[in-house]
PDB file of N, CA and C in Angstrom:
ATOM      1  N   MET A   1      -1.289 -27.078  -3.946  1.00  0.00           N
ATOM      2  CA  MET A   1      -1.169 -26.350  -5.204  1.00  0.00           C
ATOM      3  C   MET A   1      -0.019 -25.366  -5.084  1.00  0.00           C
ATOM      4  N   HIS A   2       0.862 -25.389  -6.051  1.00  0.00           N
ATOM      5  CA  HIS A   2       2.011 -24.494  -6.061  1.00  0.00           C
ATOM      6  C   HIS A   2       1.630 -23.208  -6.789  1.00  0.00           C
ATOM      7  N   GLN A   3       1.851 -22.090  -6.137  1.00  0.00           N
ATOM      8  CA  GLN A   3       1.503 -20.810  -6.749  1.00  0.00           C
ATOM      9  C   GLN A   3       2.779 -20.058  -7.089  1.00  0.00           C
ATOM     10  N   ASN A   4       2.840 -19.496  -8.274  1.00  0.00           N
ATOM     11  CA  ASN A   4       4.002 -18.701  -8.669  1.00  0.00           C
ATOM     12  C   ASN A   4       3.786 -17.258  -8.256  1.00  0.00           C
ATOM     13  N   PHE A   5       4.723 -16.744  -7.491  1.00  0.00           N
ATOM     14  CA  PHE A   5       4.650 -15.365  -7.056  1.00  0.00           C
ATOM     15  C   PHE A   5       5.654 -14.530  -7.829  1.00  0.00           C
ATOM     16  N   THR A   6       5.321 -13.274  -8.003  1.00  0.00           N
ATOM     17  CA  THR A   6       6.167 -12.350  -8.750  1.00  0.00           C
ATOM     18  C   THR A   6       6.753 -11.314  -7.792  1.00  0.00           C
ATOM     19  N   PRO A   7       7.721 -10.538  -8.260  1.00  0.00           N
ATOM     20  CA  PRO A   7       8.218  -9.430  -7.430  1.00  0.00           C
ATOM     21  C   PRO A   7       7.103  -8.463  -7.029  1.00  0.00           C
ATOM     22  N   ASN A   8       6.101  -8.302  -7.878  1.00  0.00           N
ATOM     23  CA  ASN A   8       4.965  -7.436  -7.523  1.00  0.00           C
ATOM     24  C   ASN A   8       4.235  -7.963  -6.293  1.00  0.00           C
ATOM     25  N   ASP A   9       4.141  -9.275  -6.174  1.00  0.00           N
ATOM     26  CA  ASP A   9       3.518  -9.869  -4.988  1.00  0.00           C
ATOM     27  C   ASP A   9       4.344  -9.562  -3.739  1.00  0.00           C
ATOM     28  N   LEU A  10       5.659  -9.564  -3.888  1.00  0.00           N
ATOM     29  CA  LEU A  10       6.528  -9.236  -2.756  1.00  0.00           C
ATOM     30  C   LEU A  10       6.359  -7.777  -2.340  1.00  0.00           C
ATOM     31  N   VAL A  11       6.197  -6.905  -3.314  1.00  0.00           N
ATOM     32  CA  VAL A  11       5.957  -5.485  -3.004  1.00  0.00           C
ATOM     33  C   VAL A  11       4.620  -5.340  -2.283  1.00  0.00           C
ATOM     34  N   ARG A  12       3.608  -6.049  -2.757  1.00  0.00           N
ATOM     35  CA  ARG A  12       2.300  -6.000  -2.089  1.00  0.00           C
ATOM     36  C   ARG A  12       2.415  -6.501  -0.651  1.00  0.00           C
ATOM     37  N   LEU A  13       3.247  -7.512  -0.425  1.00  0.00           N
ATOM     38  CA  LEU A  13       3.470  -8.017   0.928  1.00  0.00           C
ATOM     39  C   LEU A  13       4.123  -6.941   1.790  1.00  0.00           C
ATOM     40  N   LEU A  14       5.103  -6.247   1.238  1.00  0.00           N
ATOM     41  CA  LEU A  14       5.774  -5.163   1.974  1.00  0.00           C
ATOM     42  C   LEU A  14       4.791  -4.085   2.418  1.00  0.00           C
ATOM     43  N   TYR A  15       3.861  -3.755   1.544  1.00  0.00           N
ATOM     44  CA  TYR A  15       2.900  -2.689   1.839  1.00  0.00           C
ATOM     45  C   TYR A  15       1.625  -3.218   2.492  1.00  0.00           C
ATOM     46  N   ARG A  16       1.647  -4.486   2.898  1.00  0.00           N
ATOM     47  CA  ARG A  16       0.511  -5.123   3.575  1.00  0.00           C
ATOM     48  C   ARG A  16      -0.772  -5.040   2.751  1.00  0.00           C
ATOM     49  N   GLU A  17      -0.629  -5.339   1.461  1.00  0.00           N
ATOM     50  CA  GLU A  17      -1.768  -5.311   0.551  1.00  0.00           C
ATOM     51  C   GLU A  17      -2.174  -6.712   0.099  1.00  0.00           C
ATOM     52  N   THR A  18      -1.655  -7.723   0.782  1.00  0.00           N
ATOM     53  CA  THR A  18      -2.010  -9.094   0.442  1.00  0.00           C
ATOM     54  C   THR A  18      -3.088  -9.599   1.392  1.00  0.00           C
ATOM     55  N   SER A  19      -3.861 -10.544   0.903  1.00  0.00           N
ATOM     56  CA  SER A  19      -4.873 -11.170   1.766  1.00  0.00           C
ATOM     57  C   SER A  19      -4.158 -12.067   2.780  1.00  0.00           C
ATOM     58  N   VAL A  20      -4.898 -12.545   3.746  1.00  0.00           N
ATOM     59  CA  VAL A  20      -4.315 -13.424   4.765  1.00  0.00           C
ATOM     60  C   VAL A  20      -3.747 -14.685   4.109  1.00  0.00           C
ATOM     61  N   SER A  21      -4.516 -15.259   3.194  1.00  0.00           N
ATOM     62  CA  SER A  21      -4.049 -16.495   2.546  1.00  0.00           C
ATOM     63  C   SER A  21      -2.811 -16.240   1.684  1.00  0.00           C
ATOM     64  N   GLU A  22      -2.780 -15.101   0.984  1.00  0.00           N
ATOM     65  CA  GLU A  22      -1.592 -14.762   0.193  1.00  0.00           C
ATOM     66  C   GLU A  22      -0.381 -14.539   1.094  1.00  0.00           C
ATOM     67  N   THR A  23      -0.594 -13.860   2.210  1.00  0.00           N
ATOM     68  CA  THR A  23       0.496 -13.600   3.142  1.00  0.00           C
ATOM     69  C   THR A  23       1.083 -14.909   3.652  1.00  0.00           C
ATOM     70  N   LEU A  24       0.227 -15.823   4.049  1.00  0.00           N
ATOM     71  CA  LEU A  24       0.696 -17.121   4.541  1.00  0.00           C
ATOM     72  C   LEU A  24       1.446 -17.893   3.454  1.00  0.00           C
ATOM     73  N   ALA A  25       0.908 -17.871   2.244  1.00  0.00           N
ATOM     74  CA  ALA A  25       1.555 -18.573   1.132  1.00  0.00           C
ATOM     75  C   ALA A  25       2.900 -17.946   0.800  1.00  0.00           C
ATOM     76  N   LEU A  26       2.947 -16.620   0.781  1.00  0.00           N
ATOM     77  CA  LEU A  26       4.210 -15.944   0.484  1.00  0.00           C
ATOM     78  C   LEU A  26       5.257 -16.220   1.566  1.00  0.00           C
ATOM     79  N   ARG A  27       4.839 -16.209   2.819  1.00  0.00           N
ATOM     80  CA  ARG A  27       5.783 -16.503   3.903  1.00  0.00           C
ATOM     81  C   ARG A  27       6.323 -17.921   3.788  1.00  0.00           C
ATOM     82  N   ALA A  28       5.459 -18.853   3.393  1.00  0.00           N
ATOM     83  CA  ALA A  28       5.902 -20.233   3.204  1.00  0.00           C
ATOM     84  C   ALA A  28       6.925 -20.308   2.079  1.00  0.00           C
ATOM     85  N   VAL A  29       6.651 -19.618   0.985  1.00  0.00           N
ATOM     86  CA  VAL A  29       7.580 -19.611  -0.148  1.00  0.00           C
ATOM     87  C   VAL A  29       8.910 -18.988   0.273  1.00  0.00           C
ATOM     88  N   LEU A  30       8.861 -17.922   1.064  1.00  0.00           N
ATOM     89  CA  LEU A  30      10.095 -17.243   1.480  1.00  0.00           C
ATOM     90  C   LEU A  30      10.958 -18.135   2.379  1.00  0.00           C
ATOM     91  N   THR A  31      10.334 -19.055   3.101  1.00  0.00           N
ATOM     92  CA  THR A  31      11.130 -19.958   3.939  1.00  0.00           C
ATOM     93  C   THR A  31      11.771 -21.066   3.120  1.00  0.00           C
ATOM     94  N   GLU A  32      11.193 -21.363   1.952  1.00  0.00           N
ATOM     95  CA  GLU A  32      11.677 -22.478   1.135  1.00  0.00           C
ATOM     96  C   GLU A  32      12.549 -22.061  -0.036  1.00  0.00           C
ATOM     97  N   ASP A  33      12.282 -20.918  -0.625  1.00  0.00           N
ATOM     98  CA  ASP A  33      12.934 -20.500  -1.868  1.00  0.00           C
ATOM     99  C   ASP A  33      13.992 -19.429  -1.580  1.00  0.00           C
ATOM    100  N   LEU A  34      15.257 -19.816  -1.690  1.00  0.00           N
ATOM    101  CA  LEU A  34      16.354 -18.895  -1.380  1.00  0.00           C
ATOM    102  C   LEU A  34      16.386 -17.696  -2.322  1.00  0.00           C
ATOM    103  N   GLU A  35      16.095 -17.928  -3.600  1.00  0.00           N
ATOM    104  CA  GLU A  35      16.086 -16.824  -4.572  1.00  0.00           C
ATOM    105  C   GLU A  35      15.013 -15.796  -4.236  1.00  0.00           C
ATOM    106  N   MET A  36      13.834 -16.315  -3.918  1.00  0.00           N
ATOM    107  CA  MET A  36      12.726 -15.428  -3.579  1.00  0.00           C
ATOM    108  C   MET A  36      13.027 -14.686  -2.280  1.00  0.00           C
ATOM    109  N   ARG A  37      13.641 -15.355  -1.322  1.00  0.00           N
ATOM    110  CA  ARG A  37      13.996 -14.712  -0.059  1.00  0.00           C
ATOM    111  C   ARG A  37      15.017 -13.602  -0.288  1.00  0.00           C
ATOM    112  N   PHE A  38      16.000 -13.852  -1.158  1.00  0.00           N
ATOM    113  CA  PHE A  38      16.990 -12.822  -1.484  1.00  0.00           C
ATOM    114  C   PHE A  38      16.310 -11.621  -2.138  1.00  0.00           C
ATOM    115  N   GLU A  39      15.402 -11.895  -3.061  1.00  0.00           N
ATOM    116  CA  GLU A  39      14.657 -10.827  -3.735  1.00  0.00           C
ATOM    117  C   GLU A  39      13.855 -10.000  -2.719  1.00  0.00           C
ATOM    118  N   PHE A  40      13.209 -10.697  -1.781  1.00  0.00           N
ATOM    119  CA  PHE A  40      12.421 -10.000  -0.767  1.00  0.00           C
ATOM    120  C   PHE A  40      13.324  -9.145   0.123  1.00  0.00           C
ATOM    121  N   LYS A  41      14.457  -9.684   0.527  1.00  0.00           N
ATOM    122  CA  LYS A  41      15.380  -8.923   1.377  1.00  0.00           C
ATOM    123  C   LYS A  41      15.888  -7.680   0.652  1.00  0.00           C
ATOM    124  N   THR A  42      16.136  -7.808  -0.638  1.00  0.00           N
ATOM    125  CA  THR A  42      16.575  -6.660  -1.432  1.00  0.00           C
ATOM    126  C   THR A  42      15.476  -5.605  -1.492  1.00  0.00           C
ATOM    127  N   LEU A  43      14.248  -6.036  -1.767  1.00  0.00           N
ATOM    128  CA  LEU A  43      13.118  -5.101  -1.802  1.00  0.00           C
ATOM    129  C   LEU A  43      12.877  -4.471  -0.436  1.00  0.00           C
ATOM    130  N   PHE A  44      12.996  -5.276   0.619  1.00  0.00           N
ATOM    131  CA  PHE A  44      12.777  -4.766   1.967  1.00  0.00           C
ATOM    132  C   PHE A  44      13.812  -3.717   2.332  1.00  0.00           C
ATOM    133  N   SER A  45      15.050  -3.950   1.933  1.00  0.00           N
ATOM    134  CA  SER A  45      16.112  -2.978   2.196  1.00  0.00           C
ATOM    135  C   SER A  45      15.819  -1.654   1.487  1.00  0.00           C
ATOM    136  N   ALA A  46      15.397  -1.740   0.236  1.00  0.00           N
ATOM    137  CA  ALA A  46      15.036  -0.523  -0.512  1.00  0.00           C
ATOM    138  C   ALA A  46      13.832   0.158   0.124  1.00  0.00           C
ATOM    139  N   PHE A  47      12.854  -0.630   0.547  1.00  0.00           N
ATOM    140  CA  PHE A  47      11.648  -0.114   1.189  1.00  0.00           C
ATOM    141  C   PHE A  47      11.999   0.676   2.446  1.00  0.00           C
ATOM    142  N   GLN A  48      12.922   0.167   3.237  1.00  0.00           N
ATOM    143  CA  GLN A  48      13.319   0.843   4.466  1.00  0.00           C
ATOM    144  C   GLN A  48      14.015   2.177   4.201  1.00  0.00           C
ATOM    145  N   GLN A  49      14.636   2.315   3.041  1.00  0.00           N
ATOM    146  CA  GLN A  49      15.350   3.543   2.721  1.00  0.00           C
ATOM    147  C   GLN A  49      14.443   4.632   2.147  1.00  0.00           C
ATOM    148  N   LEU A  50      13.217   4.266   1.787  1.00  0.00           N
ATOM    149  CA  LEU A  50      12.295   5.272   1.266  1.00  0.00           C
ATOM    150  C   LEU A  50      11.902   6.233   2.383  1.00  0.00           C
ATOM    151  N   PRO A  51      11.762   7.510   2.054  1.00  0.00           N
ATOM    152  CA  PRO A  51      11.352   8.453   3.095  1.00  0.00           C
ATOM    153  C   PRO A  51       9.917   8.161   3.533  1.00  0.00           C
ATOM    154  N   LYS A  52       9.711   8.291   4.811  1.00  0.00           N
ATOM    155  CA  LYS A  52       8.368   8.100   5.355  1.00  0.00           C
ATOM    156  C   LYS A  52       7.665   9.446   5.329  1.00  0.00           C
ATOM    157  N   VAL A  53       6.632   9.536   4.533  1.00  0.00           N
ATOM    158  CA  VAL A  53       5.929  10.810   4.401  1.00  0.00           C
ATOM    159  C   VAL A  53       4.490  10.660   4.869  1.00  0.00           C
ATOM    160  N   THR A  54       3.983  11.719   5.386  1.00  0.00           N
ATOM    161  CA  THR A  54       2.566  11.794   5.710  1.00  0.00           C
ATOM    162  C   THR A  54       2.042  13.060   5.053  1.00  0.00           C
ATOM    163  N   PHE A  55       0.858  12.971   4.586  1.00  0.00           N
ATOM    164  CA  PHE A  55       0.277  14.109   3.901  1.00  0.00           C
ATOM    165  C   PHE A  55      -0.791  14.740   4.773  1.00  0.00           C
ATOM    166  N   ARG A  56      -0.705  16.037   4.899  1.00  0.00           N
ATOM    167  CA  ARG A  56      -1.701  16.780   5.649  1.00  0.00           C
ATOM    168  C   ARG A  56      -2.044  18.008   4.829  1.00  0.00           C
ATOM    169  N   PRO A  57      -3.286  18.098   4.387  1.00  0.00           N
ATOM    170  CA  PRO A  57      -3.659  19.271   3.601  1.00  0.00           C
ATOM    171  C   PRO A  57      -3.625  20.525   4.466  1.00  0.00           C
ATOM    172  N   SER A  58      -3.403  21.648   3.819  1.00  0.00           N
ATOM    173  CA  SER A  58      -3.387  22.917   4.549  1.00  0.00           C
ATOM    174  C   SER A  58      -4.804  23.230   5.042  1.00  0.00           C
ATOM    175  N   ASP A  59      -4.876  24.070   6.063  1.00  0.00           N
ATOM    176  CA  ASP A  59      -6.187  24.486   6.583  1.00  0.00           C
ATOM    177  C   ASP A  59      -7.006  25.168   5.490  1.00  0.00           C
ATOM    178  N   ASN A  60      -6.326  25.942   4.636  1.00  0.00           N
ATOM    179  CA  ASN A  60      -7.014  26.625   3.544  1.00  0.00           C
ATOM    180  C   ASN A  60      -7.650  25.616   2.577  1.00  0.00           C
ATOM    181  N   ALA A  61      -6.923  24.553   2.257  1.00  0.00           N
ATOM    182  CA  ALA A  61      -7.459  23.537   1.339  1.00  0.00           C
ATOM    183  C   ALA A  61      -8.684  22.856   1.949  1.00  0.00           C
ATOM    184  N   ILE A  62      -8.610  22.537   3.224  1.00  0.00           N
ATOM    185  CA  ILE A  62      -9.753  21.916   3.904  1.00  0.00           C
ATOM    186  C   ILE A  62     -10.951  22.848   3.894  1.00  0.00           C
ATOM    187  N   ARG A  63     -10.718  24.109   4.209  1.00  0.00           N
ATOM    188  CA  ARG A  63     -11.798  25.109   4.230  1.00  0.00           C
ATOM    189  C   ARG A  63     -12.449  25.223   2.847  1.00  0.00           C
ATOM    190  N   ARG A  64     -11.636  25.235   1.789  1.00  0.00           N
ATOM    191  CA  ARG A  64     -12.177  25.347   0.433  1.00  0.00           C
ATOM    192  C   ARG A  64     -13.027  24.128   0.070  1.00  0.00           C
ATOM    193  N   VAL A  65     -12.584  22.942   0.460  1.00  0.00           N
ATOM    194  CA  VAL A  65     -13.356  21.731   0.169  1.00  0.00           C
ATOM    195  C   VAL A  65     -14.683  21.754   0.925  1.00  0.00           C
ATOM    196  N   LEU A  66     -14.642  22.147   2.190  1.00  0.00           N
ATOM    197  CA  LEU A  66     -15.873  22.219   2.978  1.00  0.00           C
ATOM    198  C   LEU A  66     -16.834  23.264   2.423  1.00  0.00           C
ATOM    199  N   ASN A  67     -16.307  24.409   2.008  1.00  0.00           N
ATOM    200  CA  ASN A  67     -17.155  25.444   1.414  1.00  0.00           C
ATOM    201  C   ASN A  67     -17.787  24.958   0.113  1.00  0.00           C
ATOM    202  N   TYR A  68     -17.004  24.260  -0.694  1.00  0.00           N
ATOM    203  CA  TYR A  68     -17.533  23.716  -1.943  1.00  0.00           C
ATOM    204  C   TYR A  68     -18.631  22.692  -1.641  1.00  0.00           C
ATOM    205  N   SER A  69     -18.396  21.864  -0.649  1.00  0.00           N
ATOM    206  CA  SER A  69     -19.387  20.860  -0.271  1.00  0.00           C
ATOM    207  C   SER A  69     -20.689  21.516   0.174  1.00  0.00           C
ATOM    208  N   LYS A  70     -20.573  22.556   0.979  1.00  0.00           N
ATOM    209  CA  LYS A  70     -21.767  23.274   1.422  1.00  0.00           C
ATOM    210  C   LYS A  70     -22.508  23.895   0.244  1.00  0.00           C
ATOM    211  N   ALA A  71     -21.756  24.512  -0.665  1.00  0.00           N
ATOM    212  CA  ALA A  71     -22.371  25.182  -1.808  1.00  0.00           C
ATOM    213  C   ALA A  71     -23.095  24.188  -2.706  1.00  0.00           C
ATOM    214  N   THR A  72     -22.489  23.043  -2.963  1.00  0.00           N
ATOM    215  CA  THR A  72     -23.128  22.075  -3.851  1.00  0.00           C
ATOM    216  C   THR A  72     -24.283  21.371  -3.146  1.00  0.00           C
ATOM    217  N   ALA A  73     -24.226  21.227  -1.837  1.00  0.00           N
ATOM    218  CA  ALA A  73     -25.337  20.610  -1.110  1.00  0.00           C
ATOM    219  C   ALA A  73     -26.551  21.524  -1.163  1.00  0.00           C
ATOM    220  N   LEU A  74     -26.341  22.831  -1.073  1.00  0.00           N
ATOM    221  CA  LEU A  74     -27.445  23.770  -1.162  1.00  0.00           C
ATOM    222  C   LEU A  74     -28.032  23.781  -2.560  1.00  0.00           C
ATOM    223  N   GLU A  75     -27.193  23.693  -3.594  1.00  0.00           N
ATOM    224  CA  GLU A  75     -27.668  23.700  -4.963  1.00  0.00           C
ATOM    225  C   GLU A  75     -28.578  22.517  -5.244  1.00  0.00           C
ATOM    226  N   SER A  76     -28.282  21.364  -4.658  1.00  0.00           N
ATOM    227  CA  SER A  76     -29.085  20.174  -4.947  1.00  0.00           C
ATOM    228  C   SER A  76     -30.460  20.251  -4.287  1.00  0.00           C
ATOM    229  N   HIS A  77     -30.602  21.081  -3.265  1.00  0.00           N
ATOM    230  CA  HIS A  77     -31.903  21.235  -2.599  1.00  0.00           C
ATOM    231  C   HIS A  77     -32.775  22.310  -3.252  1.00  0.00           C
ATOM    232  N   ILE A  78     -32.202  23.099  -4.113  1.00  0.00           N
ATOM    233  CA  ILE A  78     -32.943  24.209  -4.726  1.00  0.00           C
ATOM    234  C   ILE A  78     -33.774  23.721  -5.879  1.00  0.00           C
TER     235      ILE A  78
END
């Protein structure tokens, strides 16, 4: 069965959001379809240029969430 993939599928592949079967199918298509391979290489190049960010909440934000959790847990027992 031939499956039509979109650029969105290629983005999902870049971010490892495809299932195993989708990944295998997309890789097969990329080996056969020059247009799709060019599109993937273009997306991959852009993907590599994106800044790599990690998010870490401040200690104050964590403390506030934990305090809120404690307060609401006590309210539910009252």
